[in-house]
Amino acid sequence: MTSSQLIDLRSDTVTKPSAGMREAMAKAQVGDDVYGEDPTINSLEERVAKLFGKEAALFCPSGSLANQLCIRMLVAAGEELITETNSHIVRAELGAGAVFSGITTRTWLAPRGLLSADDALNIARPDSGPYLVSTTAIAVENTHNFGGGTVQSIGEIKKLRQESEKLGIKLHLDGARIWNAHIASGVEFIEYGKYFDTVSVCLSKGLGAPVGSLMLSTKERVAKARQWRKRYGGGMRQAGILAAAGHYALDNNLPLLKVDHVRAKSIASAVAAVAPKVIDPATVDTNIVGLELNSLKISASELSSQLKEKGVLASALGPKYLRLVTHLDLTDGDVEEVNQILAQLLQRALVP
């Protein structure tokens, strides 16, 4: 079976640029972005900054780089960033904050990564003096990837902002999938943006662009981050062809996220009908379906292998945790096939 025949649910990063997106990329006006002369990148940065109510933005090749630039602007070497235990910024960026910026981290554990302002505030330790590490920033991930695409409560975000400001602690939003959070909750981007000092957003996940994330903040922070982007090797030249994909995605693909959410709920419901302990469909907010296999003898890697034999790719992200992510390259037929295959395999796993 070839890769083109497989139904790929490993991530929403596996999408291919559509014909329309490729055409937009081919027609993009370009210049040298390190010199600040790429008109398509400049317009994308202005567009996304305005969308979130920020002064400026910086186009980056990856979400990890955007995150790292953001936290570097908020946390000095030897100071502390706190975040949820399974956040991307501490679990999937390979210790970059420590390696590149000398940032130490501490975490709190939350079911499904769901934000409770009190969880963060209870472990925050600002102004800890000369002998203890001081907390200077808190990172919130929305949606929460490893929590299963959880959408964070705007009420808890607002509370966290109010209380953290009193403590002199800054806030960073890892908004890689903030587009999904917006579609699922109806909360406007500018509403999310106003509670955070820095924001990162990703164009190459649900929106289907091949490359690209942006970090957003004040003009001063973005100017400083631009230097660090170059220092990290992230400076790009005629990259307007990539930014054009971002413009196209924002123009055309944002409403399609709702379909991804419906399809993810369908998969979760099909699983729950056979193995209700594996997932509660009510917890599937967006496009990520996280299967907890603790009640079954089968491991995540075993189920992943069985799915692959049937033509479906999924991600085993733990001994008993399998993740499936819907995206715009899927069809209704693909989802129906996945539902049938998963039901069969889980039914078999339930037989003693």
Protein backbone atom coordinates (compact mmCIF):
# COMPACT_ATOMS: atom_id res chain seq x y z
CA MET A 1 0.00 0.00 0.00
CA THR A 2 1.46 3.38 -1.00
CA SER A 3 1.50 6.45 1.24
CA SER A 4 -1.02 8.12 -1.07
CA GLN A 5 -3.51 5.35 -0.33
CA LEU A 6 -3.16 5.65 3.42
CA ILE A 7 -5.61 7.65 5.53
CA ASP A 8 -3.19 9.79 7.53
CA LEU A 9 -4.44 10.85 10.95
CA ARG A 10 -1.04 11.32 12.59
CA SER A 11 -1.37 15.11 12.62
CA ASP A 12 -2.93 18.06 10.83
CA THR A 13 0.60 18.94 9.69
CA VAL A 14 0.47 16.28 6.96
CA THR A 15 -1.78 18.30 4.63
CA LYS A 16 -0.62 19.18 1.12
CA PRO A 17 -1.08 22.66 -0.40
CA SER A 18 -4.20 22.80 -2.57
CA ALA A 19 -4.11 23.87 -6.21
CA GLY A 20 -5.41 27.29 -5.24
CA MET A 21 -2.79 27.68 -2.53
CA ARG A 22 -0.01 26.64 -4.91
CA GLU A 23 -1.22 29.20 -7.43
CA ALA A 24 -1.17 31.93 -4.80
CA MET A 25 2.36 30.91 -3.82
CA ALA A 26 3.55 30.99 -7.42
CA LYS A 27 2.19 34.52 -7.91
CA ALA A 28 3.55 35.94 -4.65
CA GLN A 29 5.56 39.15 -4.70
CA VAL A 30 8.85 38.54 -2.89
CA GLY A 31 11.89 40.32 -1.53
CA ASP A 32 14.66 39.72 1.00
CA ASP A 33 12.94 39.24 4.36
CA VAL A 34 16.16 39.53 6.39
CA TYR A 35 16.29 43.07 5.04
CA GLY A 36 12.58 43.44 5.78
CA GLU A 37 11.85 43.79 2.06
CA ASP A 38 9.45 40.92 1.35
CA PRO A 39 6.06 42.59 0.76
CA THR A 40 4.04 39.39 1.18
CA ILE A 41 5.65 38.56 4.51
CA ASN A 42 5.26 42.14 5.68
CA SER A 43 1.57 42.18 4.83
CA LEU A 44 1.02 38.81 6.55
CA GLU A 45 2.77 40.03 9.69
CA GLU A 46 0.64 43.18 9.73
CA ARG A 47 -2.54 41.20 9.08
CA VAL A 48 -2.05 38.66 11.86
CA ALA A 49 -0.82 41.23 14.38
CA LYS A 50 -3.98 43.29 13.76
CA LEU A 51 -6.13 40.17 14.03
CA PHE A 52 -4.95 39.64 17.62
CA GLY A 53 -4.68 43.31 18.56
CA LYS A 54 -0.88 43.31 18.73
CA GLU A 55 1.54 45.96 17.51
CA ALA A 56 3.74 43.67 15.42
CA ALA A 57 4.43 40.12 14.29
CA LEU A 58 7.37 38.08 13.04
CA PHE A 59 7.11 35.29 10.45
CA CYS A 60 8.93 32.13 11.55
CA PRO A 61 9.56 28.77 9.86
CA SER A 62 8.15 26.76 12.79
CA GLY A 63 5.86 26.95 15.79
CA SER A 64 8.68 25.86 18.07
CA LEU A 65 10.81 28.81 16.97
CA ALA A 66 7.89 31.21 17.42
CA ASN A 67 7.32 29.87 20.94
CA GLN A 68 10.99 30.07 21.83
CA LEU A 69 11.30 33.63 20.61
CA CYS A 70 8.23 34.60 22.64
CA ILE A 71 9.40 33.14 25.92
CA ARG A 72 12.88 34.54 25.43
CA MET A 73 11.33 37.99 25.28
CA LEU A 74 9.60 37.42 28.64
CA VAL A 75 11.99 35.29 30.71
CA ALA A 76 15.66 36.02 31.39
CA ALA A 77 18.28 33.31 31.77
CA GLY A 78 18.00 31.69 35.19
CA GLU A 79 14.36 32.71 35.59
CA GLU A 80 11.32 30.47 35.44
CA LEU A 81 8.48 29.77 33.02
CA ILE A 82 5.60 27.72 34.39
CA THR A 83 3.08 25.81 32.29
CA GLU A 84 0.93 22.66 32.26
CA THR A 85 2.86 19.37 32.47
CA ASN A 86 1.96 18.11 29.00
CA SER A 87 2.26 21.41 27.17
CA HIS A 88 4.02 21.36 23.82
CA ILE A 89 6.48 24.00 24.98
CA VAL A 90 7.95 21.67 27.63
CA ARG A 91 7.22 18.24 26.13
CA ALA A 92 7.83 18.61 22.39
CA GLU A 93 10.41 21.34 21.88
CA LEU A 94 13.39 19.29 23.04
CA GLY A 95 14.37 21.47 25.97
CA ALA A 96 14.95 24.47 23.69
CA GLY A 97 14.13 27.01 26.39
CA ALA A 98 16.92 25.67 28.57
CA VAL A 99 19.39 25.03 25.75
CA PHE A 100 19.03 28.35 23.93
CA SER A 101 17.84 30.78 26.58
CA GLY A 102 18.81 29.38 29.99
CA ILE A 103 15.15 29.29 31.00
CA THR A 104 14.11 26.91 33.76
CA THR A 105 10.58 25.48 33.80
CA ARG A 106 8.17 24.11 36.37
CA THR A 107 4.75 22.59 35.64
CA TRP A 108 1.34 21.76 37.05
CA LEU A 109 -0.74 18.77 35.92
CA ALA A 110 -4.29 19.30 34.69
CA PRO A 111 -6.80 16.76 33.32
CA ARG A 112 -6.88 17.14 29.50
CA GLY A 113 -4.59 20.15 29.93
CA LEU A 114 -7.62 22.23 30.92
CA LEU A 115 -6.57 25.55 32.39
CA SER A 116 -7.50 26.46 35.93
CA ALA A 117 -6.01 29.83 36.81
CA ASP A 118 -5.57 28.71 40.41
CA ASP A 119 -3.40 25.75 39.34
CA ALA A 120 -0.89 28.16 37.82
CA LEU A 121 -1.12 30.78 40.52
CA ASN A 122 -0.63 28.20 43.28
CA ILE A 123 2.83 27.29 42.03
CA ALA A 124 3.92 30.75 40.83
CA ARG A 125 6.80 32.17 42.82
CA PRO A 126 7.65 35.67 41.61
CA ASP A 127 10.39 37.78 43.20
CA SER A 128 11.91 34.84 45.06
CA GLY A 129 15.06 36.64 46.09
CA PRO A 130 18.73 35.73 45.62
CA TYR A 131 18.46 32.04 46.60
CA LEU A 132 15.36 30.72 44.80
CA VAL A 133 14.18 30.76 41.18
CA SER A 134 11.66 33.48 40.35
CA THR A 135 8.64 32.89 38.13
CA THR A 136 8.48 35.58 35.46
CA ALA A 137 6.05 34.10 32.91
CA ILE A 138 3.23 31.61 32.50
CA ALA A 139 2.51 29.82 29.22
CA VAL A 140 -0.99 28.69 28.23
CA GLU A 141 -1.60 26.33 25.28
CA ASN A 142 -4.88 26.76 23.39
CA THR A 143 -5.98 24.36 22.07
CA HIS A 144 -4.05 21.90 24.21
CA ASN A 145 -2.47 19.36 21.87
CA PHE A 146 -1.64 16.46 24.18
CA GLY A 147 -4.78 17.12 26.19
CA GLY A 148 -6.80 16.09 23.14
CA GLY A 149 -7.46 19.47 21.51
CA THR A 150 -8.91 21.04 24.65
CA VAL A 151 -10.26 24.58 24.30
CA GLN A 152 -9.31 26.79 27.24
CA SER A 153 -11.96 28.78 29.08
CA ILE A 154 -11.79 32.49 28.33
CA GLY A 155 -13.00 33.08 31.89
CA GLU A 156 -10.00 31.23 33.34
CA ILE A 157 -7.66 33.06 30.97
CA LYS A 158 -9.10 36.40 32.09
CA LYS A 159 -8.73 35.44 35.75
CA LEU A 160 -5.14 34.33 35.19
CA ARG A 161 -4.34 37.65 33.54
CA GLN A 162 -5.89 39.69 36.32
CA GLU A 163 -4.05 37.83 39.09
CA SER A 164 -0.72 37.42 37.30
CA GLU A 165 -0.58 41.16 36.56
CA LYS A 166 -0.75 41.83 40.29
CA LEU A 167 2.30 39.58 40.70
CA GLY A 168 4.26 41.14 37.84
CA ILE A 169 4.15 37.89 35.85
CA LYS A 170 3.85 37.95 32.06
CA LEU A 171 1.66 35.59 29.98
CA HIS A 172 2.48 33.74 26.76
CA LEU A 173 -0.14 32.08 24.55
CA ASP A 174 0.97 29.04 22.58
CA GLY A 175 -1.79 29.44 20.02
CA ALA A 176 -0.61 26.89 17.49
CA ARG A 177 -4.22 25.79 17.11
CA ILE A 178 -5.91 29.00 18.31
CA TRP A 179 -7.81 28.91 15.01
CA ASN A 180 -9.55 25.73 16.19
CA ALA A 181 -10.26 27.29 19.59
CA HIS A 182 -11.90 30.28 17.88
CA ILE A 183 -14.10 28.12 15.66
CA ALA A 184 -15.14 25.87 18.56
CA SER A 185 -15.78 28.61 21.14
CA GLY A 186 -16.75 31.65 19.10
CA VAL A 187 -14.26 33.75 21.08
CA GLU A 188 -12.69 36.35 18.78
CA PHE A 189 -8.93 36.38 18.15
CA ILE A 190 -8.60 39.91 19.49
CA GLU A 191 -10.26 38.79 22.73
CA TYR A 192 -7.71 36.01 23.15
CA GLY A 193 -4.87 38.33 22.24
CA LYS A 194 -5.57 41.04 24.79
CA TYR A 195 -4.78 38.80 27.77
CA PHE A 196 -1.28 37.80 26.63
CA ASP A 197 2.03 39.64 26.32
CA THR A 198 3.25 37.34 23.56
CA VAL A 199 1.36 35.03 21.21
CA SER A 200 2.46 32.33 18.76
CA VAL A 201 0.18 31.06 15.99
CA CYS A 202 0.75 28.31 13.42
CA LEU A 203 -0.38 28.27 9.79
CA SER A 204 0.82 24.75 8.91
CA LYS A 205 -1.57 22.75 11.07
CA GLY A 206 -5.33 22.95 10.58
CA LEU A 207 -5.07 25.83 8.11
CA GLY A 208 -3.09 23.70 5.67
CA ALA A 209 -0.15 25.95 4.79
CA PRO A 210 3.09 24.03 4.13
CA VAL A 211 5.28 26.17 6.41
CA GLY A 212 4.93 29.05 8.79
CA SER A 213 4.16 30.41 12.24
CA LEU A 214 4.19 33.92 13.67
CA MET A 215 5.16 35.39 17.01
CA LEU A 216 3.18 38.46 18.07
CA SER A 217 3.89 41.14 20.65
CA THR A 218 4.92 44.78 20.98
CA LYS A 219 7.06 46.46 18.32
CA GLU A 220 9.97 46.51 20.74
CA ARG A 221 9.80 42.79 21.52
CA VAL A 222 9.31 41.82 17.88
CA ALA A 223 12.31 43.92 16.81
CA LYS A 224 14.43 42.16 19.42
CA ALA A 225 13.01 38.76 18.43
CA ARG A 226 13.91 39.46 14.80
CA GLN A 227 17.58 39.59 15.83
CA TRP A 228 17.23 36.32 17.71
CA ARG A 229 15.48 34.68 14.77
CA LYS A 230 18.54 35.48 12.66
CA ARG A 231 20.89 34.31 15.43
CA TYR A 232 19.02 30.98 15.63
CA GLY A 233 19.37 30.52 11.86
CA GLY A 234 15.73 31.30 11.15
CA GLY A 235 16.23 34.29 8.88
CA MET A 236 14.69 33.72 5.46
CA ARG A 237 15.11 35.50 2.15
CA GLN A 238 12.44 35.42 -0.59
CA ALA A 239 10.02 33.58 1.66
CA GLY A 240 6.95 35.47 0.48
CA ILE A 241 6.00 32.32 -1.41
CA LEU A 242 5.43 30.77 2.04
CA ALA A 243 3.63 33.79 3.45
CA ALA A 244 1.31 33.74 0.43
CA ALA A 245 0.20 30.28 1.55
CA GLY A 246 -0.61 31.79 4.94
CA HIS A 247 -2.72 34.53 3.36
CA TYR A 248 -4.55 31.95 1.26
CA ALA A 249 -5.17 29.77 4.33
CA LEU A 250 -6.66 32.65 6.28
CA ASP A 251 -8.80 33.68 3.31
CA ASN A 252 -10.13 30.21 2.50
CA ASN A 253 -9.46 27.49 5.06
CA LEU A 254 -10.52 28.94 8.42
CA PRO A 255 -14.22 27.98 8.05
CA LEU A 256 -13.21 24.42 7.09
CA LEU A 257 -12.01 23.75 10.64
CA LYS A 258 -15.62 23.25 11.66
CA VAL A 259 -15.74 20.18 9.39
CA ASP A 260 -12.60 18.82 11.06
CA HIS A 261 -14.30 19.17 14.43
CA VAL A 262 -17.42 17.32 13.28
CA ARG A 263 -15.31 14.51 11.87
CA ALA A 264 -13.27 14.18 15.06
CA LYS A 265 -16.47 13.93 17.09
CA SER A 266 -17.69 11.24 14.68
CA ILE A 267 -14.54 9.18 15.24
CA ALA A 268 -14.82 9.59 19.01
CA SER A 269 -18.47 8.52 18.94
CA ALA A 270 -17.67 5.43 16.87
CA VAL A 271 -14.98 4.44 19.37
CA ALA A 272 -17.16 5.13 22.40
CA ALA A 273 -19.96 3.00 20.98
CA VAL A 274 -17.65 -0.01 21.18
CA ALA A 275 -15.29 0.91 24.03
CA PRO A 276 -16.81 3.70 26.16
CA LYS A 277 -13.89 3.72 28.61
CA VAL A 278 -11.47 4.67 25.81
CA ILE A 279 -12.93 8.12 25.11
CA ASP A 280 -15.83 10.38 26.05
CA PRO A 281 -16.99 12.16 22.87
CA ALA A 282 -18.16 15.09 24.99
CA THR A 283 -14.50 15.92 25.69
CA VAL A 284 -13.62 16.22 21.99
CA ASP A 285 -13.70 19.99 21.49
CA THR A 286 -11.84 20.30 18.21
CA ASN A 287 -9.92 18.12 15.73
CA ILE A 288 -7.91 15.87 18.05
CA VAL A 289 -9.11 12.46 19.27
CA GLY A 290 -7.03 11.02 22.11
CA LEU A 291 -7.69 7.37 22.90
CA GLU A 292 -6.83 6.23 26.44
CA LEU A 293 -6.29 2.47 26.20
CA ASN A 294 -5.70 1.74 29.89
CA SER A 295 -8.85 -0.40 30.08
CA LEU A 296 -7.64 -2.61 27.21
CA LYS A 297 -4.80 -5.11 26.99
CA ILE A 298 -3.68 -3.67 23.67
CA SER A 299 -0.95 -1.00 23.66
CA ALA A 300 -1.00 2.18 21.63
CA SER A 301 1.86 0.97 19.42
CA GLU A 302 0.06 -2.34 18.80
CA LEU A 303 -3.17 -0.60 17.84
CA SER A 304 -1.21 1.82 15.65
CA SER A 305 0.40 -1.12 13.83
CA GLN A 306 -2.97 -2.82 13.34
CA LEU A 307 -4.45 0.40 11.97
CA LYS A 308 -1.55 0.78 9.56
CA GLU A 309 -2.16 -2.73 8.23
CA LYS A 310 -5.70 -1.55 7.48
CA GLY A 311 -4.46 1.63 5.77
CA VAL A 312 -4.80 4.13 8.62
CA LEU A 313 -1.94 6.07 10.20
CA ALA A 314 -2.20 7.25 13.83
CA SER A 315 0.30 8.44 16.45
CA ALA A 316 1.20 6.38 19.51
CA LEU A 317 2.26 9.13 21.91
CA GLY A 318 2.52 6.96 24.99
CA PRO A 319 2.29 3.31 26.03
CA LYS A 320 -1.50 3.57 26.23
CA TYR A 321 -2.29 6.81 24.40
CA LEU A 322 -3.14 6.93 20.70
CA ARG A 323 -3.84 10.23 18.94
CA LEU A 324 -5.84 10.79 15.75
CA VAL A 325 -6.10 14.24 14.17
CA THR A 326 -8.56 15.28 11.49
CA HIS A 327 -7.62 17.80 8.80
CA LEU A 328 -8.75 19.31 5.51
CA ASP A 329 -7.21 16.61 3.27
CA LEU A 330 -9.68 14.00 4.57
CA THR A 331 -13.03 13.08 3.02
CA ASP A 332 -16.26 11.90 4.60
CA GLY A 333 -15.51 8.50 3.07
CA ASP A 334 -12.14 8.41 4.82
CA VAL A 335 -13.75 9.10 8.16
CA GLU A 336 -16.43 6.45 7.64
CA GLU A 337 -13.72 3.92 6.83
CA VAL A 338 -11.71 4.89 9.90
CA ASN A 339 -14.79 4.54 12.09
CA GLN A 340 -15.45 1.03 10.81
CA ILE A 341 -11.83 -0.08 11.13
CA LEU A 342 -11.42 1.31 14.65
CA ALA A 343 -14.66 -0.29 15.80
CA GLN A 344 -13.54 -3.67 14.46
CA LEU A 345 -10.08 -3.51 16.00
CA LEU A 346 -11.33 -2.32 19.39
CA GLN A 347 -14.08 -4.93 19.41
CA ARG A 348 -11.40 -7.55 18.84
CA ALA A 349 -9.26 -6.08 21.62
CA LEU A 350 -12.18 -6.38 24.04
CA VAL A 351 -12.55 -10.13 23.46
CA PRO A 352 -10.78 -11.97 26.34
